[in-house]
């Protein structure tokens, strides 16, 4: 197999090249310190089987380089190697076949190469949820914005419950843990639910929220979520997990503990 390794930090590039050689001793590895040099090699006829690309590079970054590689060599498998897990969504929208967090290891590279033998992963659906790091939800690649910050937390908690129904009392206790259940708190909750309905409806994703009498849940089949994929041991999700889960919410620590046990 022909590999290209691209990173603008010489020491990091050297380590990546060594790891690739150890992971696949029979490979032909071409190392580059810039996107410009890669493009020149492609013009010269180089057609790699796999491109291991850093994302944060001076000048043209790895995401832009991946687009150019695909234009010239659409059979090249793209594997991003980065220290920034927040790029996972955009990387997979570029049809990347892998996503490795630095520092790379022989074991992780071998796992990625094994994944390349399987059919390409499906693109993300219209709605994608990011729970690793801070919680975010995207519609067609753009983050959704809510009128109230608590609305976002409400949705995050429902996502965390993974389809299990939650009643009004439970939601009030989680969202306002320092306040007793009261008429004003429940009124505030109704405002948040209306905001959630409105925002999801504007995004064409109203089917995500399931409402019954005094019961709320998420239809997990209507969205893609790194948490759900992690629990199914999807490679990209396992690699993008960095020890942080919905960091802005204290109630998420219980799920975080579960994830740590599964690592």
Protein backbone atom coordinates (compact mmCIF):
# COMPACT_ATOMS: atom_id res chain seq x y z
CA UNK A 1 0.00 0.00 0.00
CA UNK A 2 1.10 3.56 -0.70
CA UNK A 3 0.73 5.94 2.25
CA UNK A 4 1.27 9.68 2.49
CA UNK A 5 1.88 11.27 5.89
CA UNK A 6 1.39 15.03 6.16
CA UNK A 7 2.21 17.27 9.14
CA UNK A 8 3.94 20.64 9.28
CA UNK A 9 5.71 19.79 12.56
CA UNK A 10 8.88 17.82 11.66
CA UNK A 11 9.08 15.87 14.91
CA UNK A 12 5.41 14.89 14.78
CA UNK A 13 5.76 13.92 11.12
CA UNK A 14 8.75 11.74 11.95
CA UNK A 15 6.81 9.96 14.70
CA UNK A 16 3.80 9.44 12.41
CA UNK A 17 6.00 8.02 9.66
CA UNK A 18 7.68 5.63 12.09
CA UNK A 19 4.34 4.45 13.48
CA UNK A 20 2.95 3.87 9.98
CA UNK A 21 6.03 1.86 9.01
CA UNK A 22 5.68 -0.32 12.10
CA UNK A 23 1.93 -0.76 11.64
CA UNK A 24 2.28 -1.77 7.97
CA UNK A 25 5.91 -2.83 7.25
CA UNK A 26 5.23 -3.53 3.56
CA UNK A 27 3.87 -0.02 2.90
CA UNK A 28 5.50 2.61 0.70
CA UNK A 29 5.41 5.81 2.78
CA UNK A 30 5.83 9.35 1.43
CA UNK A 31 6.18 12.06 4.10
CA UNK A 32 5.37 15.75 3.47
CA UNK A 33 5.73 18.83 5.65
CA UNK A 34 3.19 20.94 3.77
CA UNK A 35 0.07 20.70 1.63
CA UNK A 36 1.92 22.44 -1.22
CA UNK A 37 4.42 19.57 -1.45
CA UNK A 38 1.59 17.04 -1.48
CA UNK A 39 -0.15 18.80 -4.37
CA UNK A 40 3.12 18.84 -6.32
CA UNK A 41 3.53 15.10 -5.78
CA UNK A 42 -0.02 14.46 -6.94
CA UNK A 43 0.66 16.47 -10.09
CA UNK A 44 3.69 14.24 -10.59
CA UNK A 45 1.48 11.15 -10.59
CA UNK A 46 1.53 9.98 -6.96
CA UNK A 47 -1.71 8.17 -6.12
CA UNK A 48 -1.73 7.08 -2.47
CA UNK A 49 -4.01 4.37 -1.13
CA UNK A 50 -4.26 6.16 2.22
CA UNK A 51 -3.52 9.78 3.18
CA UNK A 52 -2.81 10.46 6.86
CA UNK A 53 -3.37 14.21 7.22
CA UNK A 54 -2.85 16.65 10.05
CA UNK A 55 -5.69 19.19 10.19
CA UNK A 56 -4.13 22.26 11.80
CA UNK A 57 -1.37 23.23 9.35
CA UNK A 58 0.07 26.54 8.23
CA UNK A 59 -1.36 27.70 4.91
CA UNK A 60 -3.73 25.09 3.49
CA UNK A 61 -5.10 22.96 6.32
CA UNK A 62 -5.81 19.24 6.21
CA UNK A 63 -9.52 19.63 5.50
CA UNK A 64 -8.81 21.73 2.42
CA UNK A 65 -6.04 19.38 1.35
CA UNK A 66 -8.39 16.42 1.59
CA UNK A 67 -10.74 18.07 -0.90
CA UNK A 68 -7.88 18.55 -3.37
CA UNK A 69 -6.70 14.98 -2.95
CA UNK A 70 -10.21 13.69 -3.64
CA UNK A 71 -10.42 15.78 -6.83
CA UNK A 72 -7.24 14.17 -8.17
CA UNK A 73 -7.43 10.71 -6.62
CA UNK A 74 -10.96 9.85 -5.54
CA UNK A 75 -9.98 6.33 -4.45
CA UNK A 76 -7.57 7.62 -1.81
CA UNK A 77 -8.77 6.92 1.73
CA UNK A 78 -8.49 9.95 4.00
CA UNK A 79 -7.50 9.48 7.66
CA UNK A 80 -7.17 12.65 9.72
CA UNK A 81 -4.54 12.71 12.46
CA UNK A 82 -5.14 15.60 14.85
CA UNK A 83 -5.19 16.82 18.42
CA UNK A 84 -8.60 18.47 17.93
CA UNK A 85 -11.66 16.19 18.37
CA UNK A 86 -14.06 19.02 17.42
CA UNK A 87 -13.22 18.51 13.74
CA UNK A 88 -14.78 15.04 13.64
CA UNK A 89 -18.10 16.19 12.13
CA UNK A 90 -16.52 18.18 9.32
CA UNK A 91 -14.01 15.41 8.67
CA UNK A 92 -16.71 12.84 8.11
CA UNK A 93 -18.67 15.17 5.87
CA UNK A 94 -15.58 15.01 3.64
CA UNK A 95 -16.04 11.22 3.54
CA UNK A 96 -12.98 10.58 5.68
CA UNK A 97 -12.44 6.90 6.45
CA UNK A 98 -10.71 7.50 9.76
CA UNK A 99 -10.00 9.99 12.54
CA UNK A 100 -7.01 9.53 14.87
CA UNK A 101 -6.31 11.70 17.88
CA UNK A 102 -2.67 12.47 18.65
CA UNK A 103 -0.50 10.93 19.90
CA UNK A 104 -0.93 8.12 17.40
CA UNK A 105 0.01 4.55 18.20
CA UNK A 106 0.71 1.43 16.16
CA UNK A 107 -2.39 -0.21 17.65
CA UNK A 108 -4.67 2.66 16.59
CA UNK A 109 -3.21 2.80 13.08
CA UNK A 110 -3.66 -0.94 12.63
CA UNK A 111 -7.27 -0.61 13.77
CA UNK A 112 -7.84 2.13 11.17
CA UNK A 113 -6.26 0.06 8.42
CA UNK A 114 -8.50 -2.84 9.37
CA UNK A 115 -11.53 -0.54 9.13
CA UNK A 116 -10.55 0.40 5.57
CA UNK A 117 -11.31 -3.17 4.54
CA UNK A 118 -14.99 -2.62 5.39
CA UNK A 119 -17.45 -0.63 3.24
CA UNK A 120 -17.29 3.19 3.62
CA UNK A 121 -19.12 4.66 6.58
CA UNK A 122 -22.43 6.36 5.94
CA UNK A 123 -22.52 10.14 5.91
CA UNK A 124 -23.96 11.86 8.93
CA UNK A 125 -27.66 12.43 8.71
CA UNK A 126 -29.23 15.86 8.74
CA UNK A 127 -29.11 16.07 12.53
CA UNK A 128 -25.87 15.34 14.35
CA UNK A 129 -25.32 15.57 18.10
CA UNK A 130 -21.91 16.14 19.68
CA UNK A 131 -21.65 15.13 23.34
CA UNK A 132 -17.88 14.71 23.69
CA UNK A 133 -16.46 17.94 25.04
CA UNK A 134 -19.31 20.43 25.18
CA UNK A 135 -22.80 19.52 24.01
CA UNK A 136 -23.82 20.78 20.56
CA UNK A 137 -26.49 19.84 18.04
CA UNK A 138 -26.14 20.49 14.30
CA UNK A 139 -28.66 20.58 11.46
CA UNK A 140 -27.05 20.22 8.04
CA UNK A 141 -23.70 21.00 9.63
CA UNK A 142 -24.83 24.23 11.32
CA UNK A 143 -25.28 24.49 15.10
CA UNK A 144 -28.81 25.08 16.38
CA UNK A 145 -29.36 28.14 18.55
CA UNK A 146 -32.04 28.27 21.23
CA UNK A 147 -33.74 31.30 22.70
CA UNK A 148 -33.01 30.05 26.23
CA UNK A 149 -29.77 28.39 27.36
CA UNK A 150 -31.80 26.03 29.55
CA UNK A 151 -33.54 24.74 26.43
CA UNK A 152 -30.24 23.42 25.19
CA UNK A 153 -29.64 21.74 28.55
CA UNK A 154 -33.13 20.21 28.42
CA UNK A 155 -32.35 18.67 25.03
CA UNK A 156 -28.92 17.52 26.26
CA UNK A 157 -30.51 15.68 29.17
CA UNK A 158 -33.02 13.94 26.89
CA UNK A 159 -30.15 12.93 24.59
CA UNK A 160 -28.28 11.59 27.62
CA UNK A 161 -31.30 9.42 28.54
CA UNK A 162 -31.01 7.70 25.14
CA UNK A 163 -34.71 7.39 24.42
CA UNK A 164 -35.92 6.75 27.98
CA UNK A 165 -38.94 8.82 28.95
CA UNK A 166 -38.60 11.58 31.55
CA UNK A 167 -41.49 13.19 33.39
CA UNK A 168 -41.99 16.81 34.38
CA UNK A 169 -40.83 16.32 37.98
CA UNK A 170 -37.57 14.71 36.88
CA UNK A 171 -36.85 17.51 34.42
CA UNK A 172 -37.51 20.19 37.02
CA UNK A 173 -35.22 18.44 39.51
CA UNK A 174 -32.37 18.22 36.98
CA UNK A 175 -32.66 21.66 35.40
CA UNK A 176 -33.28 23.53 38.66
CA UNK A 177 -31.57 21.35 41.25
CA UNK A 178 -31.30 24.24 43.72
CA UNK A 179 -35.00 25.11 43.54
CA UNK A 180 -38.01 23.21 44.88
CA UNK A 181 -40.65 22.03 42.43
CA UNK A 182 -43.19 24.83 42.12
CA UNK A 183 -45.75 26.37 39.79
CA UNK A 184 -43.23 28.95 38.55
CA UNK A 185 -40.59 26.29 37.85
CA UNK A 186 -43.09 24.20 35.88
CA UNK A 187 -44.16 27.29 33.97
CA UNK A 188 -40.53 27.91 33.06
CA UNK A 189 -40.24 24.30 31.89
CA UNK A 190 -43.24 24.75 29.59
CA UNK A 191 -41.49 27.77 28.10
CA UNK A 192 -38.38 25.69 27.43
CA UNK A 193 -40.38 22.90 25.81
CA UNK A 194 -42.09 25.43 23.55
CA UNK A 195 -38.69 26.89 22.63
CA UNK A 196 -37.34 23.40 21.91
CA UNK A 197 -40.35 22.60 19.74
CA UNK A 198 -40.00 25.85 17.82
CA UNK A 199 -36.25 25.46 17.21
CA UNK A 200 -36.50 21.84 16.10
CA UNK A 201 -39.47 22.67 13.87
CA UNK A 202 -37.55 25.50 12.18
CA UNK A 203 -34.73 23.02 11.52
CA UNK A 204 -37.17 20.48 10.08
CA UNK A 205 -36.39 18.09 12.92
CA UNK A 206 -39.53 18.24 15.07
CA UNK A 207 -39.86 14.43 14.93
CA UNK A 208 -36.86 14.13 17.28
CA UNK A 209 -38.91 15.10 20.34
CA UNK A 210 -41.53 12.62 21.54
CA UNK A 211 -44.18 14.13 23.82
CA UNK A 212 -46.86 12.24 25.69
CA UNK A 213 -48.86 13.18 28.73
CA UNK A 214 -46.31 14.31 31.31
CA UNK A 215 -43.61 12.40 29.42
CA UNK A 216 -40.77 13.50 27.16
CA UNK A 217 -38.13 11.53 25.26
CA UNK A 218 -35.96 11.53 22.16
CA UNK A 219 -36.41 9.35 19.08
CA UNK A 220 -32.81 8.14 18.80
CA UNK A 221 -33.37 6.90 15.25
CA UNK A 222 -33.90 10.47 14.01
CA UNK A 223 -30.35 11.69 14.71
CA UNK A 224 -26.68 10.75 14.69
CA UNK A 225 -24.86 11.05 18.01
CA UNK A 226 -21.24 10.41 18.99
CA UNK A 227 -22.38 8.97 22.35
CA UNK A 228 -24.65 6.42 20.69
CA UNK A 229 -21.95 5.53 18.16
CA UNK A 230 -19.37 5.19 20.95
CA UNK A 231 -21.60 2.71 22.75
CA UNK A 232 -21.83 0.76 19.47
CA UNK A 233 -18.00 0.94 19.28
CA UNK A 234 -17.95 2.90 16.01
CA UNK A 235 -14.30 3.70 15.26
CA UNK A 236 -14.66 7.44 14.71
CA UNK A 237 -16.55 7.87 18.00
CA UNK A 238 -14.09 5.79 20.02
CA UNK A 239 -11.20 7.79 18.56
CA UNK A 240 -12.88 11.16 19.14
CA UNK A 241 -13.66 10.51 22.80
CA UNK A 242 -11.19 12.60 24.83
CA UNK A 243 -12.36 11.97 28.38
CA UNK A 244 -14.89 14.81 28.36
CA UNK A 245 -18.67 14.44 28.07
CA UNK A 246 -21.17 17.33 28.04
CA UNK A 247 -18.67 19.25 30.11
CA UNK A 248 -20.98 22.18 30.81
CA UNK A 249 -23.51 20.07 32.76
CA UNK A 250 -22.79 18.62 36.23
CA UNK A 251 -25.47 15.92 35.92
CA UNK A 252 -23.52 14.41 32.98
CA UNK A 253 -20.80 13.13 35.35
CA UNK A 254 -22.69 9.88 35.93
CA UNK A 255 -22.63 9.02 32.22
CA UNK A 256 -18.99 10.14 32.03
CA UNK A 257 -18.11 7.58 34.69
CA UNK A 258 -19.79 4.89 32.57
CA UNK A 259 -17.83 5.95 29.49
CA UNK A 260 -14.57 5.80 31.41
CA UNK A 261 -15.31 2.18 32.34
CA UNK A 262 -15.89 1.33 28.67
CA UNK A 263 -12.61 2.91 27.48
